[in-house]
Amino acid sequence: MDYFLVYTAVMVVGTFIVLGLMLFAGCTKLEALESYFSENAEVRKYQQRWRPNQRFVRFNRMGLMIDILRRPKRSVKEGLVTEAELAAIPLTLKRWAVWPYRLVMFWSISWGYWGTWL
């Protein structure tokens, strides 16, 4: 069997898995993450700007959470969050927010490799 065909099949199946992980994290972990930032002005602004059940809005709110948790020192330095707010979040919840994002970045690079192999 051709290696390119196998790689293509793995990439297509893996894409659905990665998208499923992102959807799961966005649907189930967003409210838990935002509960730790209930007094945060930036998070409140994102919550109040749009209707809360729109998919695009949830994607943007999750993006803010990922941005805060991906670079916590920068977020504290810019004044988006406090160190106490970051320390209150459990490690497993931080991982559910950040690791699917990192997996998407890796998967994007893999698709780029697929495109050059083509």
N, C-alpha and C. Protein backbone atom coordinates (compact mmCIF):
# COMPACT_ATOMS: atom_id res chain seq x y z
N MET A 1 0.85 -1.18 0.00
CA MET A 1 0.00 0.00 0.00
C MET A 1 0.89 1.25 0.00
N ASP A 2 0.47 2.25 -0.67
CA ASP A 2 1.23 3.48 -0.80
C ASP A 2 1.25 4.25 0.53
N TYR A 3 2.42 4.75 0.93
CA TYR A 3 2.56 5.49 2.18
C TYR A 3 1.76 6.79 2.16
N PHE A 4 1.69 7.42 1.00
CA PHE A 4 0.95 8.66 0.89
C PHE A 4 -0.54 8.44 1.17
N LEU A 5 -1.09 7.35 0.68
CA LEU A 5 -2.49 7.03 0.92
C LEU A 5 -2.75 6.78 2.40
N VAL A 6 -1.84 6.07 3.05
CA VAL A 6 -1.98 5.80 4.48
C VAL A 6 -1.89 7.11 5.26
N TYR A 7 -0.92 7.95 4.90
CA TYR A 7 -0.76 9.24 5.58
C TYR A 7 -2.00 10.10 5.39
N THR A 8 -2.57 10.09 4.20
CA THR A 8 -3.79 10.85 3.92
C THR A 8 -4.95 10.35 4.78
N ALA A 9 -5.10 9.05 4.89
CA ALA A 9 -6.18 8.49 5.70
C ALA A 9 -6.01 8.86 7.17
N VAL A 10 -4.79 8.79 7.67
CA VAL A 10 -4.52 9.16 9.06
C VAL A 10 -4.82 10.65 9.28
N MET A 11 -4.44 11.48 8.33
CA MET A 11 -4.68 12.91 8.46
C MET A 11 -6.18 13.24 8.45
N VAL A 12 -6.94 12.59 7.59
CA VAL A 12 -8.38 12.87 7.52
C VAL A 12 -9.08 12.41 8.80
N VAL A 13 -8.78 11.21 9.25
CA VAL A 13 -9.40 10.70 10.48
C VAL A 13 -8.95 11.55 11.67
N GLY A 14 -7.67 11.87 11.72
CA GLY A 14 -7.14 12.68 12.81
C GLY A 14 -7.74 14.07 12.86
N THR A 15 -8.06 14.63 11.71
CA THR A 15 -8.68 15.95 11.67
C THR A 15 -10.03 15.94 12.37
N PHE A 16 -10.81 14.91 12.12
CA PHE A 16 -12.11 14.81 12.79
C PHE A 16 -11.94 14.60 14.29
N ILE A 17 -10.93 13.88 14.69
CA ILE A 17 -10.67 13.68 16.12
C ILE A 17 -10.26 15.00 16.78
N VAL A 18 -9.37 15.73 16.13
CA VAL A 18 -8.91 17.01 16.67
C VAL A 18 -10.06 18.01 16.74
N LEU A 19 -10.86 18.08 15.69
CA LEU A 19 -12.01 18.99 15.71
C LEU A 19 -13.01 18.60 16.79
N GLY A 20 -13.18 17.30 16.98
CA GLY A 20 -14.05 16.83 18.06
C GLY A 20 -13.53 17.22 19.43
N LEU A 21 -12.23 17.13 19.63
CA LEU A 21 -11.64 17.56 20.90
C LEU A 21 -11.84 19.05 21.14
N MET A 22 -11.65 19.85 20.09
CA MET A 22 -11.84 21.29 20.22
C MET A 22 -13.31 21.61 20.54
N LEU A 23 -14.22 20.92 19.86
CA LEU A 23 -15.64 21.15 20.11
C LEU A 23 -16.02 20.73 21.53
N PHE A 24 -15.50 19.59 21.97
CA PHE A 24 -15.78 19.11 23.33
C PHE A 24 -15.25 20.09 24.37
N ALA A 25 -14.02 20.55 24.18
CA ALA A 25 -13.44 21.49 25.15
C ALA A 25 -14.22 22.80 25.15
N GLY A 26 -14.63 23.27 24.00
CA GLY A 26 -15.38 24.52 23.93
C GLY A 26 -16.77 24.42 24.52
N CYS A 27 -17.41 23.26 24.35
CA CYS A 27 -18.78 23.11 24.85
C CYS A 27 -18.85 22.77 26.33
N THR A 28 -17.89 22.01 26.83
CA THR A 28 -18.01 21.53 28.21
C THR A 28 -17.11 22.26 29.20
N LYS A 29 -16.01 22.80 28.75
CA LYS A 29 -15.05 23.39 29.68
C LYS A 29 -15.09 24.90 29.75
N LEU A 30 -15.78 25.55 28.83
CA LEU A 30 -15.78 27.01 28.78
C LEU A 30 -16.41 27.62 30.02
N GLU A 31 -17.57 27.16 30.42
CA GLU A 31 -18.24 27.72 31.59
C GLU A 31 -17.41 27.49 32.85
N ALA A 32 -16.78 26.32 32.95
CA ALA A 32 -15.94 26.04 34.12
C ALA A 32 -14.75 26.99 34.17
N LEU A 33 -14.16 27.24 33.02
CA LEU A 33 -13.03 28.19 32.97
C LEU A 33 -13.49 29.60 33.32
N GLU A 34 -14.60 30.02 32.77
CA GLU A 34 -15.07 31.37 33.02
C GLU A 34 -15.53 31.57 34.46
N SER A 35 -15.91 30.51 35.14
CA SER A 35 -16.32 30.66 36.53
C SER A 35 -15.16 31.09 37.42
N TYR A 36 -13.93 30.77 37.03
CA TYR A 36 -12.76 31.20 37.80
C TYR A 36 -12.41 32.66 37.53
N PHE A 37 -12.96 33.23 36.48
CA PHE A 37 -12.71 34.62 36.13
C PHE A 37 -13.99 35.45 36.25
N SER A 38 -14.82 35.16 37.23
CA SER A 38 -16.12 35.81 37.33
C SER A 38 -16.00 37.32 37.61
N GLU A 39 -14.94 37.76 38.23
CA GLU A 39 -14.75 39.17 38.54
C GLU A 39 -13.85 39.88 37.53
N ASN A 40 -13.40 39.19 36.52
CA ASN A 40 -12.46 39.74 35.55
C ASN A 40 -13.20 40.61 34.53
N ALA A 41 -12.71 41.82 34.31
CA ALA A 41 -13.38 42.76 33.42
C ALA A 41 -13.31 42.31 31.96
N GLU A 42 -12.19 41.78 31.53
CA GLU A 42 -12.04 41.36 30.14
C GLU A 42 -12.96 40.18 29.81
N VAL A 43 -13.04 39.22 30.70
CA VAL A 43 -13.91 38.06 30.48
C VAL A 43 -15.37 38.49 30.49
N ARG A 44 -15.73 39.38 31.39
CA ARG A 44 -17.10 39.88 31.43
C ARG A 44 -17.47 40.62 30.14
N LYS A 45 -16.50 41.37 29.61
CA LYS A 45 -16.74 42.10 28.37
C LYS A 45 -17.04 41.13 27.24
N TYR A 46 -16.30 40.03 27.17
CA TYR A 46 -16.54 39.03 26.14
C TYR A 46 -17.89 38.34 26.34
N GLN A 47 -18.29 38.13 27.59
CA GLN A 47 -19.55 37.47 27.86
C GLN A 47 -20.74 38.36 27.52
N GLN A 48 -20.62 39.66 27.75
CA GLN A 48 -21.75 40.56 27.57
C GLN A 48 -21.86 41.13 26.16
N ARG A 49 -20.84 41.00 25.37
CA ARG A 49 -20.83 41.62 24.05
C ARG A 49 -21.86 40.97 23.11
N TRP A 50 -21.99 39.65 23.18
CA TRP A 50 -22.84 38.93 22.24
C TRP A 50 -23.83 38.06 23.00
N ARG A 51 -24.76 37.48 22.25
CA ARG A 51 -25.65 36.50 22.86
C ARG A 51 -24.83 35.27 23.25
N PRO A 52 -25.06 34.70 24.40
CA PRO A 52 -24.14 33.67 24.92
C PRO A 52 -24.19 32.32 24.22
N ASN A 53 -25.21 32.00 23.48
CA ASN A 53 -25.30 30.65 22.92
C ASN A 53 -24.88 30.54 21.47
N GLN A 54 -24.38 31.60 20.89
CA GLN A 54 -23.93 31.51 19.51
C GLN A 54 -22.58 30.80 19.46
N ARG A 55 -22.42 29.94 18.46
CA ARG A 55 -21.21 29.14 18.34
C ARG A 55 -19.97 30.02 18.12
N PHE A 56 -20.10 31.04 17.29
CA PHE A 56 -18.98 31.93 17.01
C PHE A 56 -18.53 32.68 18.27
N VAL A 57 -19.49 33.08 19.09
CA VAL A 57 -19.18 33.79 20.31
C VAL A 57 -18.48 32.87 21.30
N ARG A 58 -18.95 31.64 21.39
CA ARG A 58 -18.30 30.67 22.28
C ARG A 58 -16.87 30.41 21.82
N PHE A 59 -16.67 30.38 20.50
CA PHE A 59 -15.32 30.19 19.95
C PHE A 59 -14.41 31.34 20.35
N ASN A 60 -14.91 32.58 20.28
CA ASN A 60 -14.12 33.74 20.67
C ASN A 60 -13.83 33.76 22.17
N ARG A 61 -14.82 33.40 22.97
CA ARG A 61 -14.60 33.35 24.42
C ARG A 61 -13.58 32.27 24.78
N MET A 62 -13.65 31.13 24.11
CA MET A 62 -12.67 30.08 24.37
C MET A 62 -11.29 30.53 23.90
N GLY A 63 -11.24 31.27 22.82
CA GLY A 63 -9.96 31.81 22.36
C GLY A 63 -9.33 32.73 23.39
N LEU A 64 -10.13 33.54 24.06
CA LEU A 64 -9.61 34.39 25.13
C LEU A 64 -9.05 33.55 26.26
N MET A 65 -9.77 32.49 26.65
CA MET A 65 -9.29 31.61 27.72
C MET A 65 -7.97 30.94 27.34
N ILE A 66 -7.90 30.47 26.09
CA ILE A 66 -6.68 29.82 25.62
C ILE A 66 -5.53 30.81 25.62
N ASP A 67 -5.79 32.03 25.18
CA ASP A 67 -4.75 33.06 25.15
C ASP A 67 -4.24 33.37 26.56
N ILE A 68 -5.14 33.47 27.51
CA ILE A 68 -4.74 33.75 28.88
C ILE A 68 -3.93 32.59 29.46
N LEU A 69 -4.37 31.36 29.22
CA LEU A 69 -3.70 30.21 29.82
C LEU A 69 -2.44 29.78 29.08
N ARG A 70 -2.35 30.12 27.81
CA ARG A 70 -1.18 29.73 27.04
C ARG A 70 0.04 30.55 27.44
N ARG A 71 -0.17 31.81 27.72
CA ARG A 71 0.93 32.70 28.14
C ARG A 71 0.51 33.43 29.42
N PRO A 72 0.56 32.75 30.54
CA PRO A 72 0.05 33.37 31.78
C PRO A 72 0.89 34.56 32.25
N LYS A 73 2.20 34.51 32.08
CA LYS A 73 3.04 35.62 32.54
C LYS A 73 2.74 36.90 31.75
N ARG A 74 2.53 36.75 30.45
CA ARG A 74 2.19 37.90 29.62
C ARG A 74 0.83 38.46 29.99
N SER A 75 -0.12 37.56 30.28
CA SER A 75 -1.47 38.01 30.65
C SER A 75 -1.46 38.77 31.97
N VAL A 76 -0.64 38.33 32.91
CA VAL A 76 -0.53 39.04 34.19
C VAL A 76 0.17 40.38 33.97
N LYS A 77 1.20 40.38 33.15
CA LYS A 77 1.95 41.60 32.88
C LYS A 77 1.09 42.65 32.19
N GLU A 78 0.23 42.23 31.27
CA GLU A 78 -0.66 43.16 30.57
C GLU A 78 -1.86 43.57 31.42
N GLY A 79 -2.07 42.91 32.55
CA GLY A 79 -3.17 43.26 33.43
C GLY A 79 -4.49 42.60 33.08
N LEU A 80 -4.47 41.58 32.22
CA LEU A 80 -5.72 40.89 31.88
C LEU A 80 -6.26 40.07 33.06
N VAL A 81 -5.35 39.43 33.78
CA VAL A 81 -5.73 38.58 34.92
C VAL A 81 -4.75 38.82 36.06
N THR A 82 -5.11 38.28 37.21
CA THR A 82 -4.20 38.34 38.35
C THR A 82 -3.60 36.96 38.57
N GLU A 83 -2.52 36.93 39.30
CA GLU A 83 -1.89 35.64 39.60
C GLU A 83 -2.80 34.76 40.46
N ALA A 84 -3.60 35.38 41.31
CA ALA A 84 -4.53 34.62 42.15
C ALA A 84 -5.59 33.92 41.31
N GLU A 85 -6.08 34.60 40.28
CA GLU A 85 -7.06 33.97 39.40
C GLU A 85 -6.45 32.78 38.67
N LEU A 86 -5.22 32.93 38.21
CA LEU A 86 -4.56 31.83 37.50
C LEU A 86 -4.25 30.67 38.43
N ALA A 87 -3.88 30.97 39.66
CA ALA A 87 -3.53 29.91 40.61
C ALA A 87 -4.76 29.10 41.03
N ALA A 88 -5.93 29.69 40.94
CA ALA A 88 -7.15 29.01 41.36
C ALA A 88 -7.62 27.95 40.36
N ILE A 89 -7.16 28.03 39.13
CA ILE A 89 -7.63 27.09 38.10
C ILE A 89 -6.91 25.76 38.26
N PRO A 90 -7.64 24.64 38.30
CA PRO A 90 -7.00 23.33 38.40
C PRO A 90 -6.17 23.02 37.15
N LEU A 91 -5.13 22.26 37.35
CA LEU A 91 -4.22 21.93 36.26
C LEU A 91 -4.92 21.16 35.13
N THR A 92 -5.83 20.27 35.48
CA THR A 92 -6.53 19.49 34.45
C THR A 92 -7.39 20.39 33.57
N LEU A 93 -7.99 21.39 34.16
CA LEU A 93 -8.81 22.31 33.37
C LEU A 93 -7.94 23.16 32.45
N LYS A 94 -6.77 23.54 32.93
CA LYS A 94 -5.83 24.28 32.08
C LYS A 94 -5.41 23.41 30.89
N ARG A 95 -5.16 22.15 31.15
CA ARG A 95 -4.76 21.24 30.07
C ARG A 95 -5.87 21.07 29.05
N TRP A 96 -7.13 20.98 29.50
CA TRP A 96 -8.25 20.83 28.56
C TRP A 96 -8.40 22.05 27.68
N ALA A 97 -7.95 23.20 28.14
CA ALA A 97 -8.04 24.40 27.33
C ALA A 97 -6.88 24.52 26.36
N VAL A 98 -5.68 24.21 26.81
CA VAL A 98 -4.48 24.50 26.02
C VAL A 98 -4.09 23.36 25.09
N TRP A 99 -4.20 22.13 25.52
CA TRP A 99 -3.67 21.02 24.69
C TRP A 99 -4.44 20.79 23.39
N PRO A 100 -5.75 20.90 23.34
CA PRO A 100 -6.38 20.79 22.02
C PRO A 100 -5.90 21.87 21.05
N TYR A 101 -5.64 23.08 21.58
CA TYR A 101 -5.11 24.15 20.73
C TYR A 101 -3.73 23.77 20.19
N ARG A 102 -2.88 23.24 21.05
CA ARG A 102 -1.55 22.83 20.61
C ARG A 102 -1.63 21.68 19.61
N LEU A 103 -2.57 20.79 19.81
CA LEU A 103 -2.75 19.68 18.88
C LEU A 103 -3.20 20.20 17.51
N VAL A 104 -4.03 21.23 17.49
CA VAL A 104 -4.46 21.83 16.23
C VAL A 104 -3.26 22.45 15.52
N MET A 105 -2.38 23.10 16.25
CA MET A 105 -1.18 23.68 15.63
C MET A 105 -0.30 22.58 15.02
N PHE A 106 -0.11 21.50 15.74
CA PHE A 106 0.67 20.37 15.23
C PHE A 106 0.00 19.77 13.99
N TRP A 107 -1.32 19.66 14.06
CA TRP A 107 -2.06 19.07 12.94
C TRP A 107 -1.99 19.97 11.71
N SER A 108 -1.98 21.27 11.90
CA SER A 108 -1.84 22.20 10.78
C SER A 108 -0.49 22.04 10.10
N ILE A 109 0.54 21.88 10.90
CA ILE A 109 1.88 21.65 10.34
C ILE A 109 1.91 20.33 9.59
N SER A 110 1.24 19.32 10.11
CA SER A 110 1.19 18.02 9.43
C SER A 110 0.46 18.12 8.10
N TRP A 111 -0.60 18.94 8.05
CA TRP A 111 -1.29 19.15 6.77
C TRP A 111 -0.39 19.89 5.79
N GLY A 112 0.44 20.80 6.29
CA GLY A 112 1.40 21.47 5.43
C GLY A 112 2.40 20.50 4.86
N TYR A 113 2.84 19.55 5.68
CA TYR A 113 3.73 18.50 5.19
C TYR A 113 3.03 17.66 4.14
N TRP A 114 1.77 17.35 4.37
CA TRP A 114 1.00 16.58 3.40
C TRP A 114 0.93 17.32 2.07
N GLY A 115 0.71 18.64 2.14
CA GLY A 115 0.61 19.44 0.92
C GLY A 115 1.93 19.49 0.15
N THR A 116 3.05 19.50 0.83
CA THR A 116 4.33 19.49 0.11
C THR A 116 4.63 18.10 -0.45
N TRP A 117 4.15 17.08 0.23
CA TRP A 117 4.38 15.71 -0.24
C TRP A 117 3.56 15.45 -1.51
N LEU A 118 2.39 16.08 -1.58
CA LEU A 118 1.49 15.90 -2.72
C LEU A 118 2.19 16.31 -3.99
